[in-house]
PDB file of all heavy atoms in Angstrom:
ATOM      1  N   VAL A   1     102.643  94.548  99.636  1.00  0.00           N
ATOM      2  CA  VAL A   1     102.972  93.578 100.677  1.00  0.00           C
ATOM      3  C   VAL A   1     101.731  93.405 101.540  1.00  0.00           C
ATOM      4  O   VAL A   1     101.126  94.385 101.982  1.00  0.00           O
ATOM      5  CB  VAL A   1     104.183  94.026 101.518  1.00  0.00           C
ATOM      6  CG1 VAL A   1     104.345  93.153 102.757  1.00  0.00           C
ATOM      7  CG2 VAL A   1     105.446  93.995 100.680  1.00  0.00           C
ATOM      8  N   VAL A   2     101.364  92.157 101.781  1.00  0.00           N
ATOM      9  CA  VAL A   2     100.180  91.835 102.565  1.00  0.00           C
ATOM     10  C   VAL A   2     100.599  91.768 104.037  1.00  0.00           C
ATOM     11  O   VAL A   2     101.206  90.794 104.475  1.00  0.00           O
ATOM     12  CB  VAL A   2      99.541  90.520 102.093  1.00  0.00           C
ATOM     13  CG1 VAL A   2      98.232  90.269 102.843  1.00  0.00           C
ATOM     14  CG2 VAL A   2      99.294  90.556 100.578  1.00  0.00           C
ATOM     15  N   ALA A   3     100.259  92.808 104.777  1.00  0.00           N
ATOM     16  CA  ALA A   3     100.774  92.976 106.143  1.00  0.00           C
ATOM     17  C   ALA A   3     100.379  91.845 107.076  1.00  0.00           C
ATOM     18  O   ALA A   3     101.189  91.423 107.909  1.00  0.00           O
ATOM     19  CB  ALA A   3     100.305  94.317 106.712  1.00  0.00           C
ATOM     20  N   ASP A   4      99.165  91.323 106.976  1.00  0.00           N
ATOM     21  CA  ASP A   4      98.764  90.258 107.893  1.00  0.00           C
ATOM     22  C   ASP A   4      99.220  88.879 107.422  1.00  0.00           C
ATOM     23  O   ASP A   4      98.981  87.873 108.089  1.00  0.00           O
ATOM     24  CB  ASP A   4      97.264  90.280 108.182  1.00  0.00           C
ATOM     25  CG  ASP A   4      96.390  90.125 106.957  1.00  0.00           C
ATOM     26  OD1 ASP A   4      96.901  90.213 105.822  1.00  0.00           O
ATOM     27  OD2 ASP A   4      95.177  89.908 107.136  1.00  0.00           O
ATOM     28  N   ALA A   5      99.916  88.830 106.298  1.00  0.00           N
ATOM     29  CA  ALA A   5     100.517  87.593 105.790  1.00  0.00           C
ATOM     30  C   ALA A   5     102.032  87.749 105.697  1.00  0.00           C
ATOM     31  O   ALA A   5     102.695  87.096 104.894  1.00  0.00           O
ATOM     32  CB  ALA A   5      99.928  87.230 104.432  1.00  0.00           C
ATOM     33  N   ALA A   6     102.578  88.639 106.528  1.00  0.00           N
ATOM     34  CA  ALA A   6     104.027  88.861 106.580  1.00  0.00           C
ATOM     35  C   ALA A   6     104.404  89.124 108.029  1.00  0.00           C
ATOM     36  O   ALA A   6     103.662  89.771 108.763  1.00  0.00           O
ATOM     37  CB  ALA A   6     104.421  90.058 105.709  1.00  0.00           C
ATOM     38  N   SER A   7     105.552  88.614 108.431  1.00  0.00           N
ATOM     39  CA  SER A   7     106.001  88.850 109.804  1.00  0.00           C
ATOM     40  C   SER A   7     107.496  88.591 109.913  1.00  0.00           C
ATOM     41  O   SER A   7     108.149  88.218 108.933  1.00  0.00           O
ATOM     42  CB  SER A   7     105.223  87.972 110.792  1.00  0.00           C
ATOM     43  OG  SER A   7     105.443  88.402 112.125  1.00  0.00           O
ATOM     44  N   SER A   8     107.993  88.795 111.112  1.00  0.00           N
ATOM     45  CA  SER A   8     109.397  88.575 111.459  1.00  0.00           C
ATOM     46  C   SER A   8     109.443  87.930 112.836  1.00  0.00           C
ATOM     47  O   SER A   8     108.413  87.752 113.480  1.00  0.00           O
ATOM     48  CB  SER A   8     110.165  89.904 111.498  1.00  0.00           C
ATOM     49  OG  SER A   8     110.188  90.522 110.230  1.00  0.00           O
ATOM     50  N   ARG A   9     110.640  87.645 113.316  1.00  0.00           N
ATOM     51  CA  ARG A   9     110.774  87.090 114.658  1.00  0.00           C
ATOM     52  C   ARG A   9     110.323  88.086 115.721  1.00  0.00           C
ATOM     53  O   ARG A   9     109.717  87.714 116.710  1.00  0.00           O
ATOM     54  CB  ARG A   9     112.215  86.652 114.914  1.00  0.00           C
ATOM     55  CG  ARG A   9     112.589  85.387 114.138  1.00  0.00           C
ATOM     56  CD  ARG A   9     114.077  85.134 114.089  1.00  0.00           C
ATOM     57  NE  ARG A   9     114.663  86.114 113.163  1.00  0.00           N
ATOM     58  CZ  ARG A   9     115.757  86.826 113.396  1.00  0.00           C
ATOM     59  NH1 ARG A   9     116.444  86.660 114.492  1.00  0.00           N
ATOM     60  NH2 ARG A   9     116.183  87.696 112.510  1.00  0.00           N
ATOM     61  N   GLN A  10     110.619  89.365 115.505  1.00  0.00           N
ATOM     62  CA  GLN A  10     110.283  90.408 116.475  1.00  0.00           C
ATOM     63  C   GLN A  10     109.224  91.349 115.912  1.00  0.00           C
ATOM     64  O   GLN A  10     109.389  91.852 114.785  1.00  0.00           O
ATOM     65  CB  GLN A  10     111.528  91.216 116.838  1.00  0.00           C
ATOM     66  CG  GLN A  10     112.638  90.401 117.479  1.00  0.00           C
ATOM     67  CD  GLN A  10     112.205  89.811 118.804  1.00  0.00           C
ATOM     68  OE1 GLN A  10     111.528  90.448 119.597  1.00  0.00           O
ATOM     69  NE2 GLN A  10     112.591  88.564 119.037  1.00  0.00           N
ATOM     70  N   PRO A  11     108.157  91.635 116.665  1.00  0.00           N
ATOM     71  CA  PRO A  11     107.130  92.559 116.179  1.00  0.00           C
ATOM     72  C   PRO A  11     107.675  93.929 115.794  1.00  0.00           C
ATOM     73  O   PRO A  11     107.208  94.532 114.827  1.00  0.00           O
ATOM     74  CB  PRO A  11     106.155  92.671 117.364  1.00  0.00           C
ATOM     75  CG  PRO A  11     106.362  91.426 118.149  1.00  0.00           C
ATOM     76  CD  PRO A  11     107.821  91.058 117.969  1.00  0.00           C
ATOM     77  N   ALA A  12     108.674  94.430 116.510  1.00  0.00           N
ATOM     78  CA  ALA A  12     109.239  95.742 116.183  1.00  0.00           C
ATOM     79  C   ALA A  12     109.863  95.740 114.792  1.00  0.00           C
ATOM     80  O   ALA A  12     109.813  96.762 114.088  1.00  0.00           O
ATOM     81  CB  ALA A  12     110.271  96.150 117.237  1.00  0.00           C
ATOM     82  N   SER A  13     110.428  94.623 114.383  1.00  0.00           N
ATOM     83  CA  SER A  13     111.007  94.525 113.034  1.00  0.00           C
ATOM     84  C   SER A  13     109.928  94.620 111.967  1.00  0.00           C
ATOM     85  O   SER A  13     110.142  95.221 110.904  1.00  0.00           O
ATOM     86  CB  SER A  13     111.775  93.213 112.880  1.00  0.00           C
ATOM     87  OG  SER A  13     112.869  93.169 113.766  1.00  0.00           O
ATOM     88  N   VAL A  14     108.768  94.048 112.248  1.00  0.00           N
ATOM     89  CA  VAL A  14     107.648  94.124 111.305  1.00  0.00           C
ATOM     90  C   VAL A  14     107.194  95.566 111.161  1.00  0.00           C
ATOM     91  O   VAL A  14     106.991  96.065 110.048  1.00  0.00           O
ATOM     92  CB  VAL A  14     106.465  93.236 111.757  1.00  0.00           C
ATOM     93  CG1 VAL A  14     105.295  93.344 110.784  1.00  0.00           C
ATOM     94  CG2 VAL A  14     106.901  91.789 111.919  1.00  0.00           C
ATOM     95  N   ASP A  15     107.031  96.247 112.283  1.00  0.00           N
ATOM     96  CA  ASP A  15     106.602  97.649 112.258  1.00  0.00           C
ATOM     97  C   ASP A  15     107.558  98.513 111.444  1.00  0.00           C
ATOM     98  O   ASP A  15     107.130  99.336 110.623  1.00  0.00           O
ATOM     99  CB  ASP A  15     106.495  98.204 113.680  1.00  0.00           C
ATOM    100  CG  ASP A  15     105.413  97.513 114.497  1.00  0.00           C
ATOM    101  OD1 ASP A  15     104.508  96.866 113.909  1.00  0.00           O
ATOM    102  OD2 ASP A  15     105.481  97.607 115.741  1.00  0.00           O
ATOM    103  N   LEU A  16     108.853  98.331 111.668  1.00  0.00           N
ATOM    104  CA  LEU A  16     109.848  99.099 110.912  1.00  0.00           C
ATOM    105  C   LEU A  16     109.775  98.782 109.420  1.00  0.00           C
ATOM    106  O   LEU A  16     109.847  99.681 108.576  1.00  0.00           O
ATOM    107  CB  LEU A  16     111.255  98.809 111.436  1.00  0.00           C
ATOM    108  CG  LEU A  16     111.607  99.421 112.778  1.00  0.00           C
ATOM    109  CD1 LEU A  16     112.929  98.865 113.287  1.00  0.00           C
ATOM    110  CD2 LEU A  16     111.672 100.934 112.668  1.00  0.00           C
ATOM    111  N   ALA A  17     109.621  97.501 109.098  1.00  0.00           N
ATOM    112  CA  ALA A  17     109.550  97.098 107.694  1.00  0.00           C
ATOM    113  C   ALA A  17     108.345  97.723 107.006  1.00  0.00           C
ATOM    114  O   ALA A  17     108.470  98.275 105.903  1.00  0.00           O
ATOM    115  CB  ALA A  17     109.496  95.574 107.587  1.00  0.00           C
ATOM    116  N   LEU A  18     107.179  97.654 107.625  1.00  0.00           N
ATOM    117  CA  LEU A  18     105.974  98.204 106.998  1.00  0.00           C
ATOM    118  C   LEU A  18     106.077  99.712 106.821  1.00  0.00           C
ATOM    119  O   LEU A  18     105.667 100.248 105.783  1.00  0.00           O
ATOM    120  CB  LEU A  18     104.738  97.822 107.813  1.00  0.00           C
ATOM    121  CG  LEU A  18     104.437  96.319 107.876  1.00  0.00           C
ATOM    122  CD1 LEU A  18     103.240  96.044 108.775  1.00  0.00           C
ATOM    123  CD2 LEU A  18     104.232  95.725 106.493  1.00  0.00           C
ATOM    124  N   ALA A  19     106.653 100.397 107.793  1.00  0.00           N
ATOM    125  CA  ALA A  19     106.838 101.845 107.670  1.00  0.00           C
ATOM    126  C   ALA A  19     107.794 102.165 106.521  1.00  0.00           C
ATOM    127  O   ALA A  19     107.536 103.064 105.717  1.00  0.00           O
ATOM    128  CB  ALA A  19     107.356 102.424 108.983  1.00  0.00           C
ATOM    129  N   ARG A  20     108.873 101.430 106.433  1.00  0.00           N
ATOM    130  CA  ARG A  20     109.849 101.683 105.365  1.00  0.00           C
ATOM    131  C   ARG A  20     109.272 101.360 103.996  1.00  0.00           C
ATOM    132  O   ARG A  20     109.513 102.079 103.021  1.00  0.00           O
ATOM    133  CB  ARG A  20     111.113 100.877 105.609  1.00  0.00           C
ATOM    134  CG  ARG A  20     112.189 101.195 104.589  1.00  0.00           C
ATOM    135  CD  ARG A  20     113.523 100.665 104.992  1.00  0.00           C
ATOM    136  NE  ARG A  20     114.486 100.894 103.932  1.00  0.00           N
ATOM    137  CZ  ARG A  20     115.574 100.185 103.768  1.00  0.00           C
ATOM    138  NH1 ARG A  20     115.865  99.209 104.607  1.00  0.00           N
ATOM    139  NH2 ARG A  20     116.394 100.437 102.779  1.00  0.00           N
ATOM    140  N   LEU A  21     108.519 100.273 103.899  1.00  0.00           N
ATOM    141  CA  LEU A  21     107.909  99.895 102.626  1.00  0.00           C
ATOM    142  C   LEU A  21     107.000 101.005 102.108  1.00  0.00           C
ATOM    143  O   LEU A  21     107.010 101.321 100.914  1.00  0.00           O
ATOM    144  CB  LEU A  21     107.125  98.590 102.776  1.00  0.00           C
ATOM    145  CG  LEU A  21     107.978  97.335 102.922  1.00  0.00           C
ATOM    146  CD1 LEU A  21     107.126  96.160 103.402  1.00  0.00           C
ATOM    147  CD2 LEU A  21     108.680  96.999 101.612  1.00  0.00           C
ATOM    148  N   GLN A  22     106.227 101.602 102.993  1.00  0.00           N
ATOM    149  CA  GLN A  22     105.316 102.663 102.564  1.00  0.00           C
ATOM    150  C   GLN A  22     106.070 103.869 102.022  1.00  0.00           C
ATOM    151  O   GLN A  22     105.606 104.510 101.079  1.00  0.00           O
ATOM    152  CB  GLN A  22     104.397 103.061 103.713  1.00  0.00           C
ATOM    153  CG  GLN A  22     103.382 101.972 104.004  1.00  0.00           C
ATOM    154  CD  GLN A  22     102.495 102.293 105.180  1.00  0.00           C
ATOM    155  OE1 GLN A  22     102.976 102.704 106.242  1.00  0.00           O
ATOM    156  NE2 GLN A  22     101.204 102.113 105.006  1.00  0.00           N
ATOM    157  N   THR A  23     107.232 104.171 102.575  1.00  0.00           N
ATOM    158  CA  THR A  23     108.000 105.300 102.066  1.00  0.00           C
ATOM    159  C   THR A  23     108.701 104.966 100.758  1.00  0.00           C
ATOM    160  O   THR A  23     109.168 105.861 100.064  1.00  0.00           O
ATOM    161  CB  THR A  23     109.044 105.802 103.090  1.00  0.00           C
ATOM    162  OG1 THR A  23     110.016 104.783 103.302  1.00  0.00           O
ATOM    163  CG2 THR A  23     108.384 106.181 104.408  1.00  0.00           C
ATOM    164  N   ALA A  24     108.753 103.668 100.419  1.00  0.00           N
ATOM    165  CA  ALA A  24     109.421 103.219  99.193  1.00  0.00           C
ATOM    166  C   ALA A  24     108.420 102.944  98.060  1.00  0.00           C
ATOM    167  O   ALA A  24     108.753 102.257  97.102  1.00  0.00           O
ATOM    168  CB  ALA A  24     110.230 101.960  99.479  1.00  0.00           C
ATOM    169  N   ALA A  25     107.204 103.458  98.195  1.00  0.00           N
ATOM    170  CA  ALA A  25     106.162 103.319  97.168  1.00  0.00           C
ATOM    171  C   ALA A  25     105.593 101.911  97.047  1.00  0.00           C
ATOM    172  O   ALA A  25     105.018 101.551  96.035  1.00  0.00           O
ATOM    173  CB  ALA A  25     106.655 103.822  95.809  1.00  0.00           C
ATOM    174  N   VAL A  26     105.757 101.111  98.101  1.00  0.00           N
ATOM    175  CA  VAL A  26     105.143  99.785  98.145  1.00  0.00           C
ATOM    176  C   VAL A  26     103.787  99.941  98.827  1.00  0.00           C
ATOM    177  O   VAL A  26     103.689 100.550  99.891  1.00  0.00           O
ATOM    178  CB  VAL A  26     106.028  98.792  98.932  1.00  0.00           C
ATOM    179  CG1 VAL A  26     105.323  97.451  99.101  1.00  0.00           C
ATOM    180  CG2 VAL A  26     107.378  98.615  98.239  1.00  0.00           C
ATOM    181  N   ALA A  27     102.748  99.386  98.212  1.00  0.00           N
ATOM    182  CA  ALA A  27     101.425  99.409  98.838  1.00  0.00           C
ATOM    183  C   ALA A  27     101.414  98.382  99.961  1.00  0.00           C
ATOM    184  O   ALA A  27     101.856  97.251  99.780  1.00  0.00           O
ATOM    185  CB  ALA A  27     100.352  99.079  97.811  1.00  0.00           C
ATOM    186  N   VAL A  28     100.933  98.782 101.124  1.00  0.00           N
ATOM    187  CA  VAL A  28     100.781  97.855 102.241  1.00  0.00           C
ATOM    188  C   VAL A  28      99.282  97.594 102.373  1.00  0.00           C
ATOM    189  O   VAL A  28      98.497  98.525 102.586  1.00  0.00           O
ATOM    190  CB  VAL A  28     101.386  98.418 103.542  1.00  0.00           C
ATOM    191  CG1 VAL A  28     101.106  97.477 104.707  1.00  0.00           C
ATOM    192  CG2 VAL A  28     102.885  98.625 103.366  1.00  0.00           C
ATOM    193  N   VAL A  29      98.904  96.330 102.212  1.00  0.00           N
ATOM    194  CA  VAL A  29      97.501  95.928 102.217  1.00  0.00           C
ATOM    195  C   VAL A  29      97.323  94.790 103.221  1.00  0.00           C
ATOM    196  O   VAL A  29      98.293  94.307 103.784  1.00  0.00           O
ATOM    197  CB  VAL A  29      97.045  95.488 100.805  1.00  0.00           C
ATOM    198  CG1 VAL A  29      97.202  96.625  99.796  1.00  0.00           C
ATOM    199  CG2 VAL A  29      97.802  94.256 100.329  1.00  0.00           C
ATOM    200  N   ASN A  30      96.083  94.365 103.422  1.00  0.00           N
ATOM    201  CA  ASN A  30      95.851  93.146 104.189  1.00  0.00           C
ATOM    202  C   ASN A  30      95.200  92.112 103.272  1.00  0.00           C
ATOM    203  O   ASN A  30      94.907  92.401 102.102  1.00  0.00           O
ATOM    204  CB  ASN A  30      95.063  93.413 105.479  1.00  0.00           C
ATOM    205  CG  ASN A  30      93.633  93.845 105.242  1.00  0.00           C
ATOM    206  OD1 ASN A  30      93.060  93.663 104.175  1.00  0.00           O
ATOM    207  ND2 ASN A  30      93.032  94.434 106.259  1.00  0.00           N
ATOM    208  N   THR A  31      94.981  90.929 103.789  1.00  0.00           N
ATOM    209  CA  THR A  31      94.455  89.839 102.971  1.00  0.00           C
ATOM    210  C   THR A  31      93.115  90.197 102.358  1.00  0.00           C
ATOM    211  O   THR A  31      92.883  89.974 101.165  1.00  0.00           O
ATOM    212  CB  THR A  31      94.344  88.553 103.825  1.00  0.00           C
ATOM    213  OG1 THR A  31      95.654  88.213 104.294  1.00  0.00           O
ATOM    214  CG2 THR A  31      93.781  87.406 103.024  1.00  0.00           C
ATOM    215  N   GLU A  32      92.206  90.753 103.161  1.00  0.00           N
ATOM    216  CA  GLU A  32      90.889  91.104 102.627  1.00  0.00           C
ATOM    217  C   GLU A  32      90.987  92.140 101.521  1.00  0.00           C
ATOM    218  O   GLU A  32      90.270  92.049 100.520  1.00  0.00           O
ATOM    219  CB  GLU A  32      89.985  91.612 103.749  1.00  0.00           C
ATOM    220  CG  GLU A  32      89.524  90.520 104.671  1.00  0.00           C
ATOM    221  CD  GLU A  32      88.444  90.989 105.632  1.00  0.00           C
ATOM    222  OE1 GLU A  32      87.540  91.749 105.216  1.00  0.00           O
ATOM    223  OE2 GLU A  32      88.505  90.587 106.795  1.00  0.00           O
TER     224      GLU A  32
END
């Protein structure tokens, strides 16, 4: 999941999503 190309209505929801994704074996990357 490209973190700087993903978002939600609330920043806290994004933070929770990225943390959960990492524990689920999803690589969290940025565009570069």
